[in-house]
Amino acid sequence: SRIHVTAIELPSASISLLPGSGIELVIGNASLTIDMNWNIRTWMFKDSGRGTVHISKVFVAAIFSTPLDNPGPTSISLTSCRTTSGDIDIKLNGKS
């Protein structure tokens, strides 16, 4: 619970127009840090505390399309998405 994104780094990000296709978004070597509360309760173990998750070396490539012949409100569709992450570091602090 109480999940908070405390840091986002996007050192390499680009947006390109793809003629006839849409828009390509590429993010490389990104990182994300999240703080949160956690708890676990079982019949023999009970504990709670704070935790931090740091995800680094994140790569995202996404292609969005917008139909140009649509007479109504503009819409955007995600037509392709690929994501990888290199490192995930999880730190849990609790009473035990």
Protein backbone atom coordinates (compact mmCIF):
# COMPACT_ATOMS: atom_id res chain seq x y z
CA SER A 1 0.00 0.00 0.00
CA ARG A 2 0.98 3.67 -0.24
CA ILE A 3 2.99 3.18 -3.39
CA HIS A 4 4.91 6.32 -4.36
CA VAL A 5 7.09 6.82 -7.42
CA THR A 6 10.01 8.81 -5.98
CA ALA A 7 12.27 9.05 -9.03
CA ILE A 8 12.09 8.63 -12.80
CA GLU A 9 15.11 9.11 -15.07
CA LEU A 10 14.80 9.19 -18.86
CA PRO A 11 18.33 9.91 -20.07
CA SER A 12 17.57 8.82 -23.62
CA ALA A 13 14.11 9.41 -25.06
CA SER A 14 12.94 10.21 -28.58
CA ILE A 15 9.70 10.62 -30.51
CA SER A 16 9.63 10.09 -34.28
CA LEU A 17 6.91 10.40 -36.89
CA LEU A 18 6.42 7.27 -39.00
CA PRO A 19 4.89 8.25 -42.34
CA GLY A 20 1.63 6.41 -42.85
CA SER A 21 1.98 4.56 -39.53
CA GLY A 22 1.91 6.94 -36.60
CA ILE A 23 4.34 7.91 -33.88
CA GLU A 24 7.25 5.93 -32.43
CA LEU A 25 8.39 6.51 -28.83
CA VAL A 26 11.76 5.07 -27.78
CA ILE A 27 13.10 5.30 -24.22
CA GLY A 28 16.51 3.84 -23.39
CA ASN A 29 18.46 3.30 -20.18
CA ALA A 30 15.62 4.61 -18.01
CA SER A 31 15.25 3.99 -14.29
CA LEU A 32 12.42 4.10 -11.76
CA THR A 33 12.37 4.11 -7.95
CA ILE A 34 9.25 3.21 -5.96
CA ASP A 35 8.71 3.41 -2.18
CA MET A 36 5.89 1.46 -0.53
CA ASN A 37 4.49 -0.12 2.60
CA TRP A 38 4.22 -3.90 2.73
CA ASN A 39 2.76 -6.47 5.11
CA ILE A 40 2.43 -10.23 5.26
CA ARG A 41 0.17 -12.28 7.50
CA THR A 42 0.10 -16.06 7.57
CA TRP A 43 -0.91 -18.55 10.23
CA MET A 44 2.68 -18.67 11.55
CA PHE A 45 4.28 -15.38 10.42
CA LYS A 46 3.27 -11.74 10.59
CA ASP A 47 5.42 -8.74 9.63
CA SER A 48 5.19 -5.35 7.95
CA GLY A 49 7.43 -2.45 7.03
CA ARG A 50 8.64 -0.20 4.22
CA GLY A 51 10.16 -1.22 0.94
CA THR A 52 12.01 0.32 -1.98
CA VAL A 53 12.13 -1.06 -5.52
CA HIS A 54 14.68 0.33 -8.00
CA ILE A 55 14.37 -0.75 -11.63
CA SER A 56 17.17 0.25 -14.00
CA LYS A 57 18.33 -0.31 -17.57
CA VAL A 58 14.73 -0.07 -18.80
CA PHE A 59 14.11 0.04 -22.54
CA VAL A 60 10.71 0.86 -24.07
CA ALA A 61 9.78 1.03 -27.75
CA ALA A 62 6.17 1.83 -28.59
CA ILE A 63 4.30 2.71 -31.77
CA PHE A 64 1.06 4.66 -31.63
CA SER A 65 -1.30 5.14 -34.55
CA THR A 66 -3.91 7.81 -35.18
CA PRO A 67 -6.52 7.22 -37.87
CA LEU A 68 -6.45 10.31 -40.11
CA ASP A 69 -9.77 9.59 -41.82
CA ASN A 70 -11.77 9.52 -38.57
CA PRO A 71 -14.34 12.37 -38.62
CA GLY A 72 -14.91 12.19 -34.85
CA PRO A 73 -12.62 13.05 -31.94
CA THR A 74 -8.94 12.21 -32.38
CA SER A 75 -8.05 8.78 -31.04
CA ILE A 76 -4.68 7.17 -30.40
CA SER A 77 -4.09 3.41 -30.44
CA LEU A 78 -1.07 1.50 -29.17
CA THR A 79 -0.14 -0.80 -32.05
CA SER A 80 3.19 -2.15 -30.79
CA CYS A 81 5.07 -2.14 -27.50
CA ARG A 82 8.28 -3.82 -26.37
CA THR A 83 9.81 -3.39 -22.90
CA THR A 84 12.85 -4.87 -21.18
CA SER A 85 14.51 -4.18 -17.85
CA GLY A 86 18.05 -5.03 -16.84
CA ASP A 87 18.25 -4.79 -13.04
CA ILE A 88 15.67 -4.87 -10.26
CA ASP A 89 16.81 -4.14 -6.69
CA ILE A 90 14.28 -4.78 -3.88
CA LYS A 91 14.92 -3.70 -0.28
CA LEU A 92 12.44 -4.61 2.44
CA ASN A 93 12.71 -3.21 5.96
CA GLY A 94 10.57 -4.78 8.67
CA LYS A 95 10.41 -5.77 12.29
CA SER A 96 11.80 -9.27 11.73
